[in-house]
PDB file of N, CA and C in Angstrom:
ATOM      1  N   MET A   1      -5.073   6.721 -28.478  1.00  0.00           N
ATOM      2  CA  MET A   1      -4.621   6.368 -27.142  1.00  0.00           C
ATOM      3  C   MET A   1      -5.775   5.728 -26.374  1.00  0.00           C
ATOM      4  N   SER A   2      -5.467   4.701 -25.640  1.00  0.00           N
ATOM      5  CA  SER A   2      -6.465   3.953 -24.885  1.00  0.00           C
ATOM      6  C   SER A   2      -6.782   4.638 -23.559  1.00  0.00           C
ATOM      7  N   ASN A   3      -7.980   4.440 -23.070  1.00  0.00           N
ATOM      8  CA  ASN A   3      -8.400   4.976 -21.786  1.00  0.00           C
ATOM      9  C   ASN A   3      -8.185   4.006 -20.638  1.00  0.00           C
ATOM     10  N   PHE A   4      -7.353   2.986 -20.838  1.00  0.00           N
ATOM     11  CA  PHE A   4      -7.043   2.064 -19.747  1.00  0.00           C
ATOM     12  C   PHE A   4      -5.660   1.467 -19.953  1.00  0.00           C
ATOM     13  N   SER A   5      -5.124   0.906 -18.869  1.00  0.00           N
ATOM     14  CA  SER A   5      -3.852   0.178 -18.893  1.00  0.00           C
ATOM     15  C   SER A   5      -4.045  -1.096 -18.091  1.00  0.00           C
ATOM     16  N   LYS A   6      -3.434  -2.192 -18.530  1.00  0.00           N
ATOM     17  CA  LYS A   6      -3.537  -3.471 -17.826  1.00  0.00           C
ATOM     18  C   LYS A   6      -2.193  -4.160 -17.865  1.00  0.00           C
ATOM     19  N   ILE A   7      -1.778  -4.696 -16.725  1.00  0.00           N
ATOM     20  CA  ILE A   7      -0.550  -5.491 -16.645  1.00  0.00           C
ATOM     21  C   ILE A   7      -0.797  -6.658 -15.695  1.00  0.00           C
ATOM     22  N   SER A   8       0.115  -7.614 -15.693  1.00  0.00           N
ATOM     23  CA  SER A   8       0.129  -8.690 -14.708  1.00  0.00           C
ATOM     24  C   SER A   8       1.345  -8.483 -13.827  1.00  0.00           C
ATOM     25  N   VAL A   9       1.173  -8.718 -12.549  1.00  0.00           N
ATOM     26  CA  VAL A   9       2.241  -8.492 -11.580  1.00  0.00           C
ATOM     27  C   VAL A   9       2.718  -9.828 -11.037  1.00  0.00           C
ATOM     28  N   PRO A  10       4.036 -10.055 -11.007  1.00  0.00           N
ATOM     29  CA  PRO A  10       4.551 -11.295 -10.407  1.00  0.00           C
ATOM     30  C   PRO A  10       4.122 -11.394  -8.947  1.00  0.00           C
ATOM     31  N   SER A  11       3.821 -12.605  -8.496  1.00  0.00           N
ATOM     32  CA  SER A  11       3.309 -12.777  -7.143  1.00  0.00           C
ATOM     33  C   SER A  11       4.388 -12.790  -6.071  1.00  0.00           C
ATOM     34  N   ASP A  12       5.650 -12.711  -6.450  1.00  0.00           N
ATOM     35  CA  ASP A  12       6.715 -12.804  -5.452  1.00  0.00           C
ATOM     36  C   ASP A  12       7.651 -11.596  -5.443  1.00  0.00           C
ATOM     37  N   ALA A  13       7.259 -10.508  -6.078  1.00  0.00           N
ATOM     38  CA  ALA A  13       8.154  -9.361  -6.183  1.00  0.00           C
ATOM     39  C   ALA A  13       7.489  -8.113  -5.610  1.00  0.00           C
ATOM     40  N   ARG A  14       8.313  -7.082  -5.376  1.00  0.00           N
ATOM     41  CA  ARG A  14       7.782  -5.762  -5.039  1.00  0.00           C
ATOM     42  C   ARG A  14       7.718  -4.984  -6.337  1.00  0.00           C
ATOM     43  N   VAL A  15       6.562  -4.437  -6.637  1.00  0.00           N
ATOM     44  CA  VAL A  15       6.368  -3.750  -7.906  1.00  0.00           C
ATOM     45  C   VAL A  15       5.685  -2.412  -7.657  1.00  0.00           C
ATOM     46  N   GLU A  16       6.241  -1.329  -8.197  1.00  0.00           N
ATOM     47  CA  GLU A  16       5.587  -0.022  -8.211  1.00  0.00           C
ATOM     48  C   GLU A  16       4.945   0.143  -9.569  1.00  0.00           C
ATOM     49  N   LEU A  17       3.698   0.577  -9.588  1.00  0.00           N
ATOM     50  CA  LEU A  17       2.924   0.560 -10.827  1.00  0.00           C
ATOM     51  C   LEU A  17       2.860   1.890 -11.570  1.00  0.00           C
ATOM     52  N   HIS A  18       3.486   2.957 -11.055  1.00  0.00           N
ATOM     53  CA  HIS A  18       3.325   4.266 -11.703  1.00  0.00           C
ATOM     54  C   HIS A  18       3.751   4.265 -13.166  1.00  0.00           C
ATOM     55  N   ASP A  19       4.888   3.716 -13.493  1.00  0.00           N
ATOM     56  CA  ASP A  19       5.335   3.689 -14.894  1.00  0.00           C
ATOM     57  C   ASP A  19       4.607   2.627 -15.715  1.00  0.00           C
ATOM     58  N   GLN A  20       4.401   1.453 -15.116  1.00  0.00           N
ATOM     59  CA  GLN A  20       3.811   0.335 -15.862  1.00  0.00           C
ATOM     60  C   GLN A  20       2.400   0.622 -16.360  1.00  0.00           C
ATOM     61  N   ILE A  21       1.597   1.348 -15.584  1.00  0.00           N
ATOM     62  CA  ILE A  21       0.223   1.606 -16.033  1.00  0.00           C
ATOM     63  C   ILE A  21      -0.086   3.099 -16.180  1.00  0.00           C
ATOM     64  N   GLY A  22       0.941   3.939 -16.115  1.00  0.00           N
ATOM     65  CA  GLY A  22       0.758   5.357 -16.393  1.00  0.00           C
ATOM     66  C   GLY A  22      -0.031   6.120 -15.351  1.00  0.00           C
ATOM     67  N   LEU A  23       0.227   5.858 -14.075  1.00  0.00           N
ATOM     68  CA  LEU A  23      -0.492   6.560 -13.010  1.00  0.00           C
ATOM     69  C   LEU A  23      -0.117   8.041 -12.987  1.00  0.00           C
ATOM     70  N   THR A  24      -1.102   8.904 -12.747  1.00  0.00           N
ATOM     71  CA  THR A  24      -0.843  10.347 -12.706  1.00  0.00           C
ATOM     72  C   THR A  24      -1.326  11.004 -11.415  1.00  0.00           C
ATOM     73  N   GLY A  25      -2.090  10.302 -10.594  1.00  0.00           N
ATOM     74  CA  GLY A  25      -2.611  10.909  -9.376  1.00  0.00           C
ATOM     75  C   GLY A  25      -2.383  10.092  -8.125  1.00  0.00           C
ATOM     76  N   ALA A  26      -1.714   8.946  -8.264  1.00  0.00           N
ATOM     77  CA  ALA A  26      -1.467   8.070  -7.117  1.00  0.00           C
ATOM     78  C   ALA A  26      -0.267   7.183  -7.436  1.00  0.00           C
ATOM     79  N   GLU A  27       0.311   6.614  -6.412  1.00  0.00           N
ATOM     80  CA  GLU A  27       1.316   5.564  -6.561  1.00  0.00           C
ATOM     81  C   GLU A  27       0.700   4.312  -5.968  1.00  0.00           C
ATOM     82  N   VAL A  28       0.865   3.191  -6.631  1.00  0.00           N
ATOM     83  CA  VAL A  28       0.386   1.910  -6.129  1.00  0.00           C
ATOM     84  C   VAL A  28       1.551   0.938  -6.194  1.00  0.00           C
ATOM     85  N   SER A  29       1.761   0.210  -5.117  1.00  0.00           N
ATOM     86  CA  SER A  29       2.794  -0.822  -5.125  1.00  0.00           C
ATOM     87  C   SER A  29       2.212  -2.114  -4.576  1.00  0.00           C
ATOM     88  N   ILE A  30       2.767  -3.223  -5.047  1.00  0.00           N
ATOM     89  CA  ILE A  30       2.445  -4.554  -4.551  1.00  0.00           C
ATOM     90  C   ILE A  30       3.687  -5.036  -3.826  1.00  0.00           C
ATOM     91  N   ASN A  31       3.508  -5.518  -2.600  1.00  0.00           N
ATOM     92  CA  ASN A  31       4.636  -5.873  -1.740  1.00  0.00           C
ATOM     93  C   ASN A  31       4.453  -7.274  -1.194  1.00  0.00           C
ATOM     94  N   ASN A  32       5.522  -8.040  -1.178  1.00  0.00           N
ATOM     95  CA  ASN A  32       5.497  -9.417  -0.680  1.00  0.00           C
ATOM     96  C   ASN A  32       6.684  -9.636   0.242  1.00  0.00           C
ATOM     97  N   LEU A  33       6.407 -10.053   1.466  1.00  0.00           N
ATOM     98  CA  LEU A  33       7.463 -10.364   2.424  1.00  0.00           C
ATOM     99  C   LEU A  33       7.351 -11.831   2.808  1.00  0.00           C
ATOM    100  N   PRO A  34       8.444 -12.591   2.705  1.00  0.00           N
ATOM    101  CA  PRO A  34       8.404 -13.982   3.167  1.00  0.00           C
ATOM    102  C   PRO A  34       8.293 -14.050   4.691  1.00  0.00           C
ATOM    103  N   ALA A  35       7.905 -15.193   5.197  1.00  0.00           N
ATOM    104  CA  ALA A  35       7.787 -15.388   6.644  1.00  0.00           C
ATOM    105  C   ALA A  35       9.066 -14.935   7.343  1.00  0.00           C
ATOM    106  N   GLY A  36       8.899 -14.175   8.417  1.00  0.00           N
ATOM    107  CA  GLY A  36      10.023 -13.709   9.213  1.00  0.00           C
ATOM    108  C   GLY A  36      10.735 -12.489   8.666  1.00  0.00           C
ATOM    109  N   ALA A  37      10.351 -11.991   7.506  1.00  0.00           N
ATOM    110  CA  ALA A  37      11.031 -10.846   6.892  1.00  0.00           C
ATOM    111  C   ALA A  37      10.319  -9.545   7.245  1.00  0.00           C
ATOM    112  N   SER A  38      11.013  -8.439   6.975  1.00  0.00           N
ATOM    113  CA  SER A  38      10.412  -7.123   7.198  1.00  0.00           C
ATOM    114  C   SER A  38      10.898  -6.164   6.128  1.00  0.00           C
ATOM    115  N   VAL A  39      10.187  -5.062   5.975  1.00  0.00           N
ATOM    116  CA  VAL A  39      10.699  -3.955   5.166  1.00  0.00           C
ATOM    117  C   VAL A  39      11.946  -3.478   5.916  1.00  0.00           C
ATOM    118  N   PRO A  40      13.079  -3.298   5.226  1.00  0.00           N
ATOM    119  CA  PRO A  40      14.340  -3.058   5.936  1.00  0.00           C
ATOM    120  C   PRO A  40      14.553  -1.640   6.448  1.00  0.00           C
ATOM    121  N   PHE A  41      13.500  -0.833   6.513  1.00  0.00           N
ATOM    122  CA  PHE A  41      13.668   0.533   6.987  1.00  0.00           C
ATOM    123  C   PHE A  41      12.345   1.059   7.545  1.00  0.00           C
ATOM    124  N   VAL A  42      12.452   2.047   8.421  1.00  0.00           N
ATOM    125  CA  VAL A  42      11.298   2.801   8.912  1.00  0.00           C
ATOM    126  C   VAL A  42      11.197   4.032   8.030  1.00  0.00           C
ATOM    127  N   HIS A  43       9.967   4.406   7.645  1.00  0.00           N
ATOM    128  CA  HIS A  43       9.849   5.606   6.819  1.00  0.00           C
ATOM    129  C   HIS A  43       8.563   6.369   7.106  1.00  0.00           C
ATOM    130  N   SER A  44       8.549   7.614   6.693  1.00  0.00           N
ATOM    131  CA  SER A  44       7.365   8.464   6.708  1.00  0.00           C
ATOM    132  C   SER A  44       7.368   9.204   5.380  1.00  0.00           C
ATOM    133  N   HIS A  45       6.428  10.115   5.202  1.00  0.00           N
ATOM    134  CA  HIS A  45       6.359  10.859   3.947  1.00  0.00           C
ATOM    135  C   HIS A  45       6.229  12.350   4.208  1.00  0.00           C
ATOM    136  N   LYS A  46       6.564  13.139   3.202  1.00  0.00           N
ATOM    137  CA  LYS A  46       6.421  14.588   3.289  1.00  0.00           C
ATOM    138  C   LYS A  46       4.966  14.996   3.115  1.00  0.00           C
ATOM    139  N   GLN A  47       4.279  14.449   2.090  1.00  0.00           N
ATOM    140  CA  GLN A  47       2.916  14.875   1.752  1.00  0.00           C
ATOM    141  C   GLN A  47       1.932  13.728   1.585  1.00  0.00           C
ATOM    142  N   ASN A  48       2.408  12.531   1.330  1.00  0.00           N
ATOM    143  CA  ASN A  48       1.530  11.446   0.911  1.00  0.00           C
ATOM    144  C   ASN A  48       1.073  10.555   2.055  1.00  0.00           C
ATOM    145  N   GLU A  49      -0.261  10.362   2.127  1.00  0.00           N
ATOM    146  CA  GLU A  49      -0.793   9.341   3.009  1.00  0.00           C
ATOM    147  C   GLU A  49      -0.723   8.013   2.265  1.00  0.00           C
ATOM    148  N   GLU A  50      -0.714   6.924   3.008  1.00  0.00           N
ATOM    149  CA  GLU A  50      -0.692   5.604   2.389  1.00  0.00           C
ATOM    150  C   GLU A  50      -1.873   4.798   2.900  1.00  0.00           C
ATOM    151  N   ILE A  51      -2.500   4.072   1.977  1.00  0.00           N
ATOM    152  CA  ILE A  51      -3.601   3.180   2.292  1.00  0.00           C
ATOM    153  C   ILE A  51      -3.119   1.780   1.934  1.00  0.00           C
ATOM    154  N   TYR A  52      -3.131   0.875   2.889  1.00  0.00           N
ATOM    155  CA  TYR A  52      -2.653  -0.485   2.681  1.00  0.00           C
ATOM    156  C   TYR A  52      -3.816  -1.458   2.766  1.00  0.00           C
ATOM    157  N   VAL A  53      -3.771  -2.488   1.924  1.00  0.00           N
ATOM    158  CA  VAL A  53      -4.703  -3.602   2.035  1.00  0.00           C
ATOM    159  C   VAL A  53      -3.874  -4.883   2.067  1.00  0.00           C
ATOM    160  N   VAL A  54      -4.151  -5.743   3.054  1.00  0.00           N
ATOM    161  CA  VAL A  54      -3.448  -7.015   3.157  1.00  0.00           C
ATOM    162  C   VAL A  54      -4.163  -8.006   2.246  1.00  0.00           C
ATOM    163  N   LEU A  55      -3.426  -8.498   1.248  1.00  0.00           N
ATOM    164  CA  LEU A  55      -3.987  -9.407   0.252  1.00  0.00           C
ATOM    165  C   LEU A  55      -3.979 -10.853   0.731  1.00  0.00           C
ATOM    166  N   SER A  56      -2.909 -11.247   1.433  1.00  0.00           N
ATOM    167  CA  SER A  56      -2.817 -12.610   1.958  1.00  0.00           C
ATOM    168  C   SER A  56      -1.796 -12.646   3.082  1.00  0.00           C
ATOM    169  N   GLY A  57      -1.905 -13.695   3.896  1.00  0.00           N
ATOM    170  CA  GLY A  57      -0.961 -13.892   4.983  1.00  0.00           C
ATOM    171  C   GLY A  57      -1.256 -13.010   6.180  1.00  0.00           C
ATOM    172  N   ASN A  58      -0.250 -12.886   7.050  1.00  0.00           N
ATOM    173  CA  ASN A  58      -0.402 -12.030   8.213  1.00  0.00           C
ATOM    174  C   ASN A  58       0.940 -11.545   8.701  1.00  0.00           C
ATOM    175  N   GLY A  59       0.875 -10.531   9.530  1.00  0.00           N
ATOM    176  CA  GLY A  59       2.074  -9.914  10.075  1.00  0.00           C
ATOM    177  C   GLY A  59       1.675  -8.740  10.937  1.00  0.00           C
ATOM    178  N   LYS A  60       2.481  -7.690  10.889  1.00  0.00           N
ATOM    179  CA  LYS A  60       2.170  -6.495  11.672  1.00  0.00           C
ATOM    180  C   LYS A  60       2.811  -5.287  11.004  1.00  0.00           C
ATOM    181  N   VAL A  61       2.297  -4.125  11.380  1.00  0.00           N
ATOM    182  CA  VAL A  61       2.922  -2.860  11.033  1.00  0.00           C
ATOM    183  C   VAL A  61       3.151  -2.135  12.353  1.00  0.00           C
ATOM    184  N   VAL A  62       4.277  -1.472  12.446  1.00  0.00           N
ATOM    185  CA  VAL A  62       4.559  -0.640  13.612  1.00  0.00           C
ATOM    186  C   VAL A  62       4.474   0.808  13.127  1.00  0.00           C
ATOM    187  N   VAL A  63       3.554   1.571  13.733  1.00  0.00           N
ATOM    188  CA  VAL A  63       3.356   2.976  13.380  1.00  0.00           C
ATOM    189  C   VAL A  63       3.625   3.812  14.628  1.00  0.00           C
ATOM    190  N   ASP A  64       4.626   4.674  14.553  1.00  0.00           N
ATOM    191  CA  ASP A  64       4.992   5.524  15.690  1.00  0.00           C
ATOM    192  C   ASP A  64       5.172   4.713  16.969  1.00  0.00           C
ATOM    193  N   GLY A  65       5.758   3.522  16.821  1.00  0.00           N
ATOM    194  CA  GLY A  65       6.031   2.670  17.972  1.00  0.00           C
ATOM    195  C   GLY A  65       4.884   1.764  18.392  1.00  0.00           C
ATOM    196  N   GLU A  66       3.712   1.913  17.791  1.00  0.00           N
ATOM    197  CA  GLU A  66       2.560   1.081  18.133  1.00  0.00           C
ATOM    198  C   GLU A  66       2.434  -0.087  17.159  1.00  0.00           C
ATOM    199  N   GLU A  67       2.380  -1.319  17.693  1.00  0.00           N
ATOM    200  CA  GLU A  67       2.237  -2.512  16.866  1.00  0.00           C
ATOM    201  C   GLU A  67       0.773  -2.769  16.537  1.00  0.00           C
ATOM    202  N   ILE A  68       0.498  -2.982  15.245  1.00  0.00           N
ATOM    203  CA  ILE A  68      -0.863  -3.267  14.786  1.00  0.00           C
ATOM    204  C   ILE A  68      -0.826  -4.589  14.031  1.00  0.00           C
ATOM    205  N   ALA A  69      -1.571  -5.585  14.521  1.00  0.00           N
ATOM    206  CA  ALA A  69      -1.630  -6.889  13.856  1.00  0.00           C
ATOM    207  C   ALA A  69      -2.353  -6.750  12.524  1.00  0.00           C
ATOM    208  N   LEU A  70      -1.882  -7.495  11.526  1.00  0.00           N
ATOM    209  CA  LEU A  70      -2.473  -7.467  10.195  1.00  0.00           C
ATOM    210  C   LEU A  70      -2.778  -8.867   9.706  1.00  0.00           C
ATOM    211  N   THR A  71      -3.919  -9.027   9.030  1.00  0.00           N
ATOM    212  CA  THR A  71      -4.280 -10.292   8.419  1.00  0.00           C
ATOM    213  C   THR A  71      -5.025 -10.010   7.118  1.00  0.00           C
ATOM    214  N   ALA A  72      -5.128 -11.011   6.270  1.00  0.00           N
ATOM    215  CA  ALA A  72      -5.774 -10.843   4.963  1.00  0.00           C
ATOM    216  C   ALA A  72      -7.133 -10.165   5.116  1.00  0.00           C
ATOM    217  N   GLY A  73      -7.373  -9.165   4.294  1.00  0.00           N
ATOM    218  CA  GLY A  73      -8.620  -8.420   4.324  1.00  0.00           C
ATOM    219  C   GLY A  73      -8.552  -7.122   5.110  1.00  0.00           C
ATOM    220  N   ASP A  74      -7.501  -6.930   5.912  1.00  0.00           N
ATOM    221  CA  ASP A  74      -7.365  -5.691   6.679  1.00  0.00           C
ATOM    222  C   ASP A  74      -6.962  -4.528   5.775  1.00  0.00           C
ATOM    223  N   TRP A  75      -7.479  -3.353   6.100  1.00  0.00           N
ATOM    224  CA  TRP A  75      -7.112  -2.094   5.464  1.00  0.00           C
ATOM    225  C   TRP A  75      -6.608  -1.162   6.556  1.00  0.00           C
ATOM    226  N   ILE A  76      -5.585  -0.353   6.249  1.00  0.00           N
ATOM    227  CA  ILE A  76      -5.095   0.634   7.212  1.00  0.00           C
ATOM    228  C   ILE A  76      -4.616   1.863   6.450  1.00  0.00           C
ATOM    229  N   ARG A  77      -4.975   3.036   6.963  1.00  0.00           N
ATOM    230  CA  ARG A  77      -4.494   4.306   6.420  1.00  0.00           C
ATOM    231  C   ARG A  77      -3.470   4.871   7.386  1.00  0.00           C
ATOM    232  N   ILE A  78      -2.368   5.372   6.839  1.00  0.00           N
ATOM    233  CA  ILE A  78      -1.325   5.968   7.672  1.00  0.00           C
ATOM    234  C   ILE A  78      -1.059   7.380   7.161  1.00  0.00           C
ATOM    235  N   ALA A  79      -1.145   8.356   8.063  1.00  0.00           N
ATOM    236  CA  ALA A  79      -0.896   9.762   7.731  1.00  0.00           C
ATOM    237  C   ALA A  79       0.556   9.940   7.281  1.00  0.00           C
ATOM    238  N   PRO A  80       0.814  10.989   6.505  1.00  0.00           N
ATOM    239  CA  PRO A  80       2.180  11.182   5.994  1.00  0.00           C
ATOM    240  C   PRO A  80       3.263  11.127   7.072  1.00  0.00           C
ATOM    241  N   GLU A  81       3.015  11.776   8.201  1.00  0.00           N
ATOM    242  CA  GLU A  81       4.059  11.870   9.228  1.00  0.00           C
ATOM    243  C   GLU A  81       4.223  10.616  10.076  1.00  0.00           C
ATOM    244  N   GLY A  82       3.332   9.642   9.942  1.00  0.00           N
ATOM    245  CA  GLY A  82       3.443   8.405  10.712  1.00  0.00           C
ATOM    246  C   GLY A  82       4.676   7.602  10.299  1.00  0.00           C
ATOM    247  N   LYS A  83       5.502   7.272  11.265  1.00  0.00           N
ATOM    248  CA  LYS A  83       6.709   6.463  10.991  1.00  0.00           C
ATOM    249  C   LYS A  83       6.296   4.995  11.002  1.00  0.00           C
ATOM    250  N   ARG A  84       6.539   4.293   9.878  1.00  0.00           N
ATOM    251  CA  ARG A  84       5.996   2.952   9.695  1.00  0.00           C
ATOM    252  C   ARG A  84       7.044   1.952   9.228  1.00  0.00           C
ATOM    253  N   GLN A  85       6.799   0.688   9.593  1.00  0.00           N
ATOM    254  CA  GLN A  85       7.611  -0.439   9.134  1.00  0.00           C
ATOM    255  C   GLN A  85       6.733  -1.690   9.177  1.00  0.00           C
ATOM    256  N   PHE A  86       6.812  -2.501   8.116  1.00  0.00           N
ATOM    257  CA  PHE A  86       5.986  -3.705   7.981  1.00  0.00           C
ATOM    258  C   PHE A  86       6.805  -4.963   8.227  1.00  0.00           C
ATOM    259  N   PHE A  87       6.143  -5.974   8.827  1.00  0.00           N
ATOM    260  CA  PHE A  87       6.770  -7.244   9.168  1.00  0.00           C
ATOM    261  C   PHE A  87       5.833  -8.394   8.806  1.00  0.00           C
ATOM    262  N   ALA A  88       6.383  -9.456   8.224  1.00  0.00           N
ATOM    263  CA  ALA A  88       5.631 -10.706   8.080  1.00  0.00           C
ATOM    264  C   ALA A  88       5.746 -11.441   9.410  1.00  0.00           C
ATOM    265  N   SER A  89       4.757 -12.255   9.733  1.00  0.00           N
ATOM    266  CA  SER A  89       4.865 -13.053  10.956  1.00  0.00           C
ATOM    267  C   SER A  89       5.942 -14.119  10.751  1.00  0.00           C
ATOM    268  N   ASP A  90       6.369 -14.717  11.839  1.00  0.00           N
ATOM    269  CA  ASP A  90       7.429 -15.734  11.749  1.00  0.00           C
ATOM    270  C   ASP A  90       7.006 -16.963  10.968  1.00  0.00           C
ATOM    271  N   ASP A  91       5.700 -17.243  10.944  1.00  0.00           N
ATOM    272  CA  ASP A  91       5.228 -18.468  10.292  1.00  0.00           C
ATOM    273  C   ASP A  91       4.365 -18.224   9.052  1.00  0.00           C
ATOM    274  N   SER A  92       4.325 -16.977   8.563  1.00  0.00           N
ATOM    275  CA  SER A  92       3.485 -16.688   7.398  1.00  0.00           C
ATOM    276  C   SER A  92       4.066 -15.542   6.582  1.00  0.00           C
ATOM    277  N   ALA A  93       4.077 -15.705   5.285  1.00  0.00           N
ATOM    278  CA  ALA A  93       4.398 -14.589   4.399  1.00  0.00           C
ATOM    279  C   ALA A  93       3.248 -13.593   4.460  1.00  0.00           C
ATOM    280  N   ILE A  94       3.483 -12.385   3.982  1.00  0.00           N
ATOM    281  CA  ILE A  94       2.413 -11.390   3.877  1.00  0.00           C
ATOM    282  C   ILE A  94       2.532 -10.697   2.524  1.00  0.00           C
ATOM    283  N   SER A  95       1.398 -10.489   1.906  1.00  0.00           N
ATOM    284  CA  SER A  95       1.325  -9.764   0.640  1.00  0.00           C
ATOM    285  C   SER A  95       0.362  -8.611   0.838  1.00  0.00           C
ATOM    286  N   PHE A  96       0.790  -7.401   0.449  1.00  0.00           N
ATOM    287  CA  PHE A  96      -0.078  -6.242   0.627  1.00  0.00           C
ATOM    288  C   PHE A  96       0.118  -5.250  -0.506  1.00  0.00           C
ATOM    289  N   ALA A  97      -0.949  -4.512  -0.775  1.00  0.00           N
ATOM    290  CA  ALA A  97      -0.891  -3.426  -1.752  1.00  0.00           C
ATOM    291  C   ALA A  97      -0.869  -2.112  -0.985  1.00  0.00           C
ATOM    292  N   CYS A  98      -0.167  -1.131  -1.536  1.00  0.00           N
ATOM    293  CA  CYS A  98      -0.095   0.195  -0.942  1.00  0.00           C
ATOM    294  C   CYS A  98      -0.541   1.212  -1.983  1.00  0.00           C
ATOM    295  N   ILE A  99      -1.490   2.042  -1.612  1.00  0.00           N
ATOM    296  CA  ILE A  99      -1.958   3.134  -2.467  1.00  0.00           C
ATOM    297  C   ILE A  99      -1.500   4.421  -1.798  1.00  0.00           C
ATOM    298  N   GLN A 100      -0.715   5.206  -2.519  1.00  0.00           N
ATOM    299  CA  GLN A 100      -0.130   6.424  -1.958  1.00  0.00           C
ATOM    300  C   GLN A 100      -0.683   7.627  -2.714  1.00  0.00           C
ATOM    301  N   VAL A 101      -1.268   8.565  -1.961  1.00  0.00           N
ATOM    302  CA  VAL A 101      -1.852   9.764  -2.559  1.00  0.00           C
ATOM    303  C   VAL A 101      -1.520  10.980  -1.692  1.00  0.00           C
ATOM    304  N   LYS A 102      -1.550  12.156  -2.296  1.00  0.00           N
ATOM    305  CA  LYS A 102      -1.290  13.380  -1.539  1.00  0.00           C
ATOM    306  C   LYS A 102      -2.429  13.582  -0.540  1.00  0.00           C
ATOM    307  N   ALA A 103      -2.083  13.706   0.718  1.00  0.00           N
ATOM    308  CA  ALA A 103      -3.088  13.903   1.766  1.00  0.00           C
ATOM    309  C   ALA A 103      -3.896  15.162   1.484  1.00  0.00           C
ATOM    310  N   GLY A 104      -5.220  15.063   1.629  1.00  0.00           N
ATOM    311  CA  GLY A 104      -6.096  16.209   1.452  1.00  0.00           C
ATOM    312  C   GLY A 104      -6.369  16.606   0.014  1.00  0.00           C
ATOM    313  N   SER A 105      -5.956  15.790  -0.954  1.00  0.00           N
ATOM    314  CA  SER A 105      -6.091  16.196  -2.356  1.00  0.00           C
ATOM    315  C   SER A 105      -7.391  15.748  -3.015  1.00  0.00           C
ATOM    316  N   LEU A 106      -8.127  14.845  -2.401  1.00  0.00           N
ATOM    317  CA  LEU A 106      -9.343  14.333  -3.022  1.00  0.00           C
ATOM    318  C   LEU A 106     -10.437  15.398  -3.007  1.00  0.00           C
ATOM    319  N   GLU A 107     -10.924  15.764  -4.181  1.00  0.00           N
ATOM    320  CA  GLU A 107     -11.928  16.820  -4.296  1.00  0.00           C
ATOM    321  C   GLU A 107     -13.338  16.278  -4.465  1.00  0.00           C
ATOM    322  N   GLY A 108     -13.483  14.997  -4.764  1.00  0.00           N
ATOM    323  CA  GLY A 108     -14.800  14.410  -4.920  1.00  0.00           C
ATOM    324  C   GLY A 108     -14.726  12.916  -4.725  1.00  0.00           C
ATOM    325  N   TYR A 109     -15.851  12.343  -4.331  1.00  0.00           N
ATOM    326  CA  TYR A 109     -15.945  10.905  -4.152  1.00  0.00           C
ATOM    327  C   TYR A 109     -16.701  10.304  -5.331  1.00  0.00           C
ATOM    328  N   THR A 110     -16.932   9.025  -5.298  1.00  0.00           N
ATOM    329  CA  THR A 110     -17.573   8.340  -6.420  1.00  0.00           C
ATOM    330  C   THR A 110     -18.842   9.038  -6.876  1.00  0.00           C
ATOM    331  N   LYS A 111     -19.749   9.316  -5.967  1.00  0.00           N
ATOM    332  CA  LYS A 111     -21.045   9.902  -6.352  1.00  0.00           C
ATOM    333  C   LYS A 111     -20.922  11.343  -6.830  1.00  0.00           C
ATOM    334  N   THR A 112     -19.955  12.111  -6.311  1.00  0.00           N
ATOM    335  CA  THR A 112     -19.842  13.510  -6.718  1.00  0.00           C
ATOM    336  C   THR A 112     -18.920  13.709  -7.916  1.00  0.00           C
ATOM    337  N   ASP A 113     -18.109  12.712  -8.242  1.00  0.00           N
ATOM    338  CA  ASP A 113     -17.179  12.839  -9.362  1.00  0.00           C
ATOM    339  C   ASP A 113     -17.652  12.076 -10.596  1.00  0.00           C
ATOM    340  N   ALA A 114     -18.564  11.143 -10.428  1.00  0.00           N
ATOM    341  CA  ALA A 114     -19.011  10.312 -11.551  1.00  0.00           C
ATOM    342  C   ALA A 114     -19.865  11.110 -12.529  1.00  0.00           C
ATOM    343  N   ILE A 115     -19.736  10.760 -13.812  1.00  0.00           N
ATOM    344  CA  ILE A 115     -20.583  11.322 -14.861  1.00  0.00           C
ATOM    345  C   ILE A 115     -21.404  10.165 -15.417  1.00  0.00           C
ATOM    346  N   ILE A 116     -22.719  10.259 -15.274  1.00  0.00           N
ATOM    347  CA  ILE A 116     -23.592   9.181 -15.739  1.00  0.00           C
ATOM    348  C   ILE A 116     -24.383   9.662 -16.934  1.00  0.00           C
TER     349      ILE A 116
END
């Protein structure tokens, strides 16, 4: 069995990577919204925080009623209970990755978990 997994992701689809690369401690998704589009629902989570990185384009996220502008290179963490919805701007598509992990579950960081 290999110690890694690699796939290619289509640039125009929403893809969850848990099955494709065998994730066991996080969920990762790639999301693409065309100009003027939005995620069609508001959601929160029971246990999982989400970390988003904007890969390209711009738009906004509304968290608990507060609008936050987003552009390529931005990162945002949202607590499990935060009610969120993502929107592409009217004149630009937006592409973003979402990393979802159980809040409070990280027991070590790079320097304390690495074996050299």
